[in-house]
Amino acid sequence: MRIFSRLKGAGMGTIVIVTAVLGFLLLAAATGTLVAMNWSEKTLTPALSILLVGTATTLVAVVVQLKESRVESAFATSVVLDINAGGPPMAVTSTIPVAIPRWSIDYKNSST
């Protein structure tokens, strides 16, 4: 209970990280226990193979995410122009528009 009292004022990120670390430690302990219980000369090769492939996969996943990327500063888009005013059409109002909830509109009795 002492652990939870310390986490009471912590943020959600801290709680997620602590939970992930505890889960990793529990899985590592369970894996170590199972390997120790079932150890023989035949388990060394598959265990090292799994460790090597897992390490390589992790490195590839991290390195692929770290590749260089660039952001284009120019992009094409379509803009509606008002030829008479010489710019994009804009509605300038002196009041703030108020949204009308959908449930307050009577569509059956509406004349429009």
N, C-alpha and C. Protein backbone atom coordinates (compact mmCIF):
# COMPACT_ATOMS: atom_id res chain seq x y z
N MET A 1 0.82 -1.19 0.00
CA MET A 1 0.00 0.00 0.00
C MET A 1 0.86 1.26 0.00
N ARG A 2 2.08 1.11 0.43
CA ARG A 2 2.96 2.26 0.48
C ARG A 2 3.27 2.79 -0.92
N ILE A 3 3.36 1.86 -1.89
CA ILE A 3 3.64 2.26 -3.27
C ILE A 3 2.51 3.12 -3.80
N PHE A 4 1.27 2.69 -3.53
CA PHE A 4 0.13 3.43 -4.04
C PHE A 4 -0.02 4.78 -3.38
N SER A 5 0.37 4.92 -2.11
CA SER A 5 0.28 6.22 -1.46
C SER A 5 1.29 7.20 -2.06
N ARG A 6 2.41 6.70 -2.53
CA ARG A 6 3.39 7.58 -3.17
C ARG A 6 2.93 7.99 -4.57
N LEU A 7 2.17 7.12 -5.24
CA LEU A 7 1.70 7.42 -6.59
C LEU A 7 0.43 8.25 -6.59
N LYS A 8 -0.13 8.53 -5.42
CA LYS A 8 -1.40 9.24 -5.35
C LYS A 8 -1.33 10.61 -6.01
N GLY A 9 -0.27 11.35 -5.82
CA GLY A 9 -0.15 12.68 -6.41
C GLY A 9 0.58 12.69 -7.73
N ALA A 10 0.95 11.50 -8.25
CA ALA A 10 1.72 11.43 -9.49
C ALA A 10 0.81 11.59 -10.69
N GLY A 11 1.40 11.98 -11.79
CA GLY A 11 0.64 12.14 -13.03
C GLY A 11 0.42 10.81 -13.70
N MET A 12 -0.39 10.83 -14.75
CA MET A 12 -0.73 9.60 -15.47
C MET A 12 0.51 8.99 -16.13
N GLY A 13 1.42 9.82 -16.63
CA GLY A 13 2.63 9.31 -17.26
C GLY A 13 3.49 8.52 -16.28
N THR A 14 3.62 9.02 -15.06
CA THR A 14 4.41 8.32 -14.04
C THR A 14 3.78 6.98 -13.70
N ILE A 15 2.46 6.95 -13.59
CA ILE A 15 1.78 5.70 -13.25
C ILE A 15 1.96 4.68 -14.37
N VAL A 16 1.88 5.12 -15.62
CA VAL A 16 2.06 4.20 -16.75
C VAL A 16 3.49 3.66 -16.77
N ILE A 17 4.46 4.51 -16.55
CA ILE A 17 5.86 4.07 -16.56
C ILE A 17 6.14 3.09 -15.43
N VAL A 18 5.65 3.39 -14.23
CA VAL A 18 5.86 2.50 -13.09
C VAL A 18 5.19 1.15 -13.35
N THR A 19 3.98 1.16 -13.91
CA THR A 19 3.28 -0.08 -14.21
C THR A 19 4.03 -0.88 -15.27
N ALA A 20 4.56 -0.21 -16.28
CA ALA A 20 5.31 -0.90 -17.33
C ALA A 20 6.59 -1.53 -16.77
N VAL A 21 7.29 -0.81 -15.92
CA VAL A 21 8.52 -1.34 -15.32
C VAL A 21 8.21 -2.54 -14.43
N LEU A 22 7.15 -2.44 -13.63
CA LEU A 22 6.77 -3.57 -12.78
C LEU A 22 6.36 -4.78 -13.62
N GLY A 23 5.63 -4.55 -14.70
CA GLY A 23 5.26 -5.65 -15.58
C GLY A 23 6.47 -6.29 -16.22
N PHE A 24 7.42 -5.47 -16.67
CA PHE A 24 8.65 -6.01 -17.26
C PHE A 24 9.41 -6.85 -16.24
N LEU A 25 9.54 -6.36 -15.02
CA LEU A 25 10.27 -7.11 -13.99
C LEU A 25 9.58 -8.42 -13.66
N LEU A 26 8.26 -8.42 -13.58
CA LEU A 26 7.53 -9.66 -13.30
C LEU A 26 7.70 -10.66 -14.44
N LEU A 27 7.62 -10.21 -15.69
CA LEU A 27 7.82 -11.11 -16.82
C LEU A 27 9.25 -11.65 -16.87
N ALA A 28 10.22 -10.78 -16.57
CA ALA A 28 11.61 -11.23 -16.56
C ALA A 28 11.83 -12.28 -15.46
N ALA A 29 11.23 -12.07 -14.29
CA ALA A 29 11.36 -13.04 -13.20
C ALA A 29 10.70 -14.36 -13.57
N ALA A 30 9.53 -14.32 -14.17
CA ALA A 30 8.85 -15.55 -14.58
C ALA A 30 9.65 -16.28 -15.66
N THR A 31 10.20 -15.54 -16.60
CA THR A 31 11.01 -16.16 -17.66
C THR A 31 12.26 -16.79 -17.07
N GLY A 32 12.94 -16.07 -16.18
CA GLY A 32 14.14 -16.61 -15.53
C GLY A 32 13.83 -17.87 -14.73
N THR A 33 12.71 -17.88 -14.04
CA THR A 33 12.32 -19.05 -13.26
C THR A 33 12.06 -20.25 -14.17
N LEU A 34 11.33 -20.02 -15.27
CA LEU A 34 11.05 -21.12 -16.19
C LEU A 34 12.32 -21.64 -16.86
N VAL A 35 13.23 -20.75 -17.22
CA VAL A 35 14.49 -21.19 -17.83
C VAL A 35 15.31 -21.99 -16.82
N ALA A 36 15.35 -21.53 -15.56
CA ALA A 36 16.12 -22.26 -14.54
C ALA A 36 15.52 -23.64 -14.27
N MET A 37 14.19 -23.72 -14.26
CA MET A 37 13.54 -25.01 -13.99
C MET A 37 13.73 -26.00 -15.14
N ASN A 38 13.78 -25.51 -16.36
CA ASN A 38 13.85 -26.39 -17.53
C ASN A 38 15.23 -26.40 -18.18
N TRP A 39 16.27 -26.01 -17.46
CA TRP A 39 17.58 -25.87 -18.07
C TRP A 39 18.19 -27.22 -18.42
N SER A 40 18.73 -27.25 -19.64
CA SER A 40 19.53 -28.39 -20.09
C SER A 40 20.45 -27.87 -21.19
N GLU A 41 21.28 -28.74 -21.70
CA GLU A 41 22.20 -28.32 -22.75
C GLU A 41 21.47 -27.94 -24.04
N LYS A 42 20.27 -28.48 -24.24
CA LYS A 42 19.51 -28.18 -25.45
C LYS A 42 18.84 -26.81 -25.39
N THR A 43 18.69 -26.24 -24.23
CA THR A 43 18.00 -24.94 -24.12
C THR A 43 18.94 -23.76 -24.34
N LEU A 44 20.24 -23.98 -24.33
CA LEU A 44 21.18 -22.87 -24.50
C LEU A 44 21.08 -22.26 -25.89
N THR A 45 21.07 -23.08 -26.93
CA THR A 45 21.03 -22.57 -28.30
C THR A 45 19.73 -21.80 -28.58
N PRO A 46 18.54 -22.33 -28.29
CA PRO A 46 17.32 -21.55 -28.54
C PRO A 46 17.25 -20.27 -27.69
N ALA A 47 17.74 -20.33 -26.45
CA ALA A 47 17.71 -19.14 -25.60
C ALA A 47 18.60 -18.04 -26.17
N LEU A 48 19.80 -18.39 -26.61
CA LEU A 48 20.68 -17.40 -27.22
C LEU A 48 20.12 -16.90 -28.55
N SER A 49 19.50 -17.77 -29.31
CA SER A 49 18.89 -17.37 -30.58
C SER A 49 17.76 -16.37 -30.35
N ILE A 50 16.90 -16.65 -29.38
CA ILE A 50 15.80 -15.74 -29.06
C ILE A 50 16.35 -14.40 -28.58
N LEU A 51 17.36 -14.42 -27.75
CA LEU A 51 17.96 -13.19 -27.25
C LEU A 51 18.58 -12.37 -28.38
N LEU A 52 19.28 -13.03 -29.30
CA LEU A 52 19.91 -12.34 -30.42
C LEU A 52 18.87 -11.75 -31.38
N VAL A 53 17.86 -12.54 -31.72
CA VAL A 53 16.82 -12.06 -32.64
C VAL A 53 16.02 -10.92 -32.00
N GLY A 54 15.72 -11.03 -30.72
CA GLY A 54 15.00 -9.96 -30.03
C GLY A 54 15.80 -8.67 -29.99
N THR A 55 17.10 -8.77 -29.75
CA THR A 55 17.96 -7.59 -29.75
C THR A 55 18.04 -6.96 -31.14
N ALA A 56 18.19 -7.78 -32.16
CA ALA A 56 18.26 -7.26 -33.52
C ALA A 56 16.94 -6.60 -33.92
N THR A 57 15.83 -7.21 -33.57
CA THR A 57 14.53 -6.64 -33.89
C THR A 57 14.32 -5.30 -33.20
N THR A 58 14.72 -5.21 -31.95
CA THR A 58 14.59 -3.96 -31.21
C THR A 58 15.46 -2.86 -31.84
N LEU A 59 16.69 -3.21 -32.18
CA LEU A 59 17.57 -2.22 -32.81
C LEU A 59 17.03 -1.75 -34.16
N VAL A 60 16.51 -2.67 -34.97
CA VAL A 60 15.95 -2.28 -36.26
C VAL A 60 14.74 -1.37 -36.06
N ALA A 61 13.88 -1.69 -35.10
CA ALA A 61 12.69 -0.88 -34.86
C ALA A 61 13.08 0.53 -34.42
N VAL A 62 14.11 0.67 -33.62
CA VAL A 62 14.55 1.98 -33.15
C VAL A 62 15.25 2.75 -34.27
N VAL A 63 16.12 2.09 -35.03
CA VAL A 63 16.87 2.76 -36.07
C VAL A 63 15.95 3.23 -37.20
N VAL A 64 14.94 2.45 -37.54
CA VAL A 64 14.01 2.84 -38.59
C VAL A 64 13.26 4.10 -38.19
N GLN A 65 12.91 4.23 -36.93
CA GLN A 65 12.21 5.41 -36.46
C GLN A 65 13.11 6.64 -36.42
N LEU A 66 14.41 6.46 -36.34
CA LEU A 66 15.35 7.58 -36.24
C LEU A 66 15.84 8.08 -37.60
N LYS A 67 15.32 7.53 -38.69
CA LYS A 67 15.80 7.97 -40.00
C LYS A 67 15.44 9.43 -40.23
N GLU A 68 16.22 10.07 -41.07
CA GLU A 68 16.03 11.48 -41.33
C GLU A 68 14.73 11.72 -42.08
N SER A 69 14.03 12.74 -41.67
CA SER A 69 12.82 13.13 -42.40
C SER A 69 12.88 14.63 -42.60
N ARG A 70 12.22 15.09 -43.65
CA ARG A 70 12.22 16.52 -43.87
C ARG A 70 10.79 16.98 -44.11
N VAL A 71 10.56 18.19 -43.73
CA VAL A 71 9.24 18.77 -43.86
C VAL A 71 9.29 19.80 -44.98
N GLU A 72 8.40 19.65 -45.91
CA GLU A 72 8.33 20.60 -47.02
C GLU A 72 7.71 21.90 -46.52
N SER A 73 8.31 23.01 -46.89
CA SER A 73 7.78 24.30 -46.46
C SER A 73 6.74 24.84 -47.44
N ALA A 74 6.63 24.23 -48.60
CA ALA A 74 5.65 24.67 -49.60
C ALA A 74 4.72 23.52 -49.91
N PHE A 75 3.45 23.82 -50.08
CA PHE A 75 2.49 22.80 -50.45
C PHE A 75 1.41 23.43 -51.31
N ALA A 76 0.76 22.62 -52.10
CA ALA A 76 -0.27 23.11 -53.00
C ALA A 76 -1.63 22.95 -52.35
N THR A 77 -2.47 23.95 -52.51
CA THR A 77 -3.83 23.90 -52.00
C THR A 77 -4.71 24.77 -52.88
N SER A 78 -5.99 24.52 -52.83
CA SER A 78 -6.91 25.35 -53.60
C SER A 78 -7.54 26.39 -52.68
N VAL A 79 -7.65 27.62 -53.17
CA VAL A 79 -8.20 28.72 -52.40
C VAL A 79 -9.30 29.37 -53.23
N VAL A 80 -10.45 29.60 -52.59
CA VAL A 80 -11.54 30.29 -53.27
C VAL A 80 -11.28 31.78 -53.19
N LEU A 81 -11.30 32.47 -54.33
CA LEU A 81 -11.04 33.90 -54.36
C LEU A 81 -12.29 34.65 -54.81
N ASP A 82 -12.53 35.78 -54.17
CA ASP A 82 -13.59 36.68 -54.60
C ASP A 82 -12.95 37.70 -55.54
N ILE A 83 -13.28 37.59 -56.83
CA ILE A 83 -12.63 38.43 -57.83
C ILE A 83 -12.95 39.91 -57.60
N ASN A 84 -14.17 40.22 -57.20
CA ASN A 84 -14.57 41.61 -56.99
C ASN A 84 -13.81 42.26 -55.83
N ALA A 85 -13.65 41.53 -54.73
CA ALA A 85 -12.98 42.10 -53.56
C ALA A 85 -11.47 41.92 -53.65
N GLY A 86 -11.01 41.01 -54.48
CA GLY A 86 -9.57 40.82 -54.65
C GLY A 86 -8.93 39.96 -53.57
N GLY A 87 -9.69 39.10 -52.95
CA GLY A 87 -9.12 38.24 -51.92
C GLY A 87 -10.08 37.12 -51.59
N PRO A 88 -9.77 36.34 -50.59
CA PRO A 88 -10.67 35.25 -50.20
C PRO A 88 -11.94 35.82 -49.56
N PRO A 89 -13.09 35.18 -49.78
CA PRO A 89 -14.33 35.67 -49.18
C PRO A 89 -14.29 35.52 -47.67
N MET A 90 -14.67 36.58 -46.97
CA MET A 90 -14.66 36.57 -45.52
C MET A 90 -15.96 37.16 -45.01
N ALA A 91 -16.49 36.61 -43.97
CA ALA A 91 -17.69 37.15 -43.35
C ALA A 91 -17.27 37.85 -42.07
N VAL A 92 -17.41 39.17 -42.03
CA VAL A 92 -17.06 39.94 -40.85
C VAL A 92 -18.36 40.32 -40.15
N THR A 93 -18.52 39.84 -38.94
CA THR A 93 -19.73 40.14 -38.18
C THR A 93 -19.36 40.87 -36.91
N SER A 94 -20.30 41.63 -36.40
CA SER A 94 -20.04 42.36 -35.16
C SER A 94 -20.45 41.55 -33.94
N THR A 95 -21.18 40.46 -34.14
CA THR A 95 -21.61 39.63 -33.01
C THR A 95 -20.96 38.27 -33.12
N ILE A 96 -20.91 37.61 -32.01
CA ILE A 96 -20.34 36.27 -31.95
C ILE A 96 -21.45 35.28 -32.31
N PRO A 97 -21.23 34.40 -33.29
CA PRO A 97 -22.28 33.45 -33.65
C PRO A 97 -22.54 32.46 -32.51
N VAL A 98 -23.79 32.12 -32.33
CA VAL A 98 -24.18 31.18 -31.28
C VAL A 98 -24.64 29.90 -31.94
N ALA A 99 -24.11 28.78 -31.50
CA ALA A 99 -24.49 27.49 -32.07
C ALA A 99 -25.85 27.07 -31.51
N ILE A 100 -26.72 26.62 -32.39
CA ILE A 100 -28.04 26.14 -31.99
C ILE A 100 -27.97 24.63 -31.89
N PRO A 101 -28.32 24.06 -30.73
CA PRO A 101 -28.27 22.60 -30.60
C PRO A 101 -29.22 21.93 -31.59
N ARG A 102 -28.82 20.78 -32.11
CA ARG A 102 -29.63 20.07 -33.10
C ARG A 102 -30.97 19.63 -32.54
N TRP A 103 -30.99 19.27 -31.26
CA TRP A 103 -32.24 18.77 -30.69
C TRP A 103 -33.28 19.87 -30.50
N SER A 104 -32.89 21.14 -30.59
CA SER A 104 -33.85 22.22 -30.40
C SER A 104 -34.51 22.65 -31.71
N ILE A 105 -34.06 22.08 -32.85
CA ILE A 105 -34.64 22.45 -34.13
C ILE A 105 -35.74 21.46 -34.48
N ASP A 106 -36.91 21.95 -34.83
CA ASP A 106 -38.03 21.11 -35.22
C ASP A 106 -38.02 21.00 -36.75
N TYR A 107 -37.46 19.88 -37.26
CA TYR A 107 -37.31 19.71 -38.70
C TYR A 107 -38.64 19.45 -39.40
N LYS A 108 -39.59 18.84 -38.71
CA LYS A 108 -40.87 18.51 -39.34
C LYS A 108 -41.71 19.75 -39.61
N ASN A 109 -41.66 20.72 -38.69
CA ASN A 109 -42.47 21.93 -38.84
C ASN A 109 -41.70 23.09 -39.44
N SER A 110 -40.48 22.85 -39.89
CA SER A 110 -39.67 23.91 -40.47
C SER A 110 -40.17 24.26 -41.86
N SER A 111 -40.25 25.55 -42.15
CA SER A 111 -40.76 25.98 -43.46
C SER A 111 -39.67 26.00 -44.51
N THR A 112 -38.40 25.94 -44.14
CA THR A 112 -37.32 25.98 -45.13
C THR A 112 -36.85 24.62 -45.48
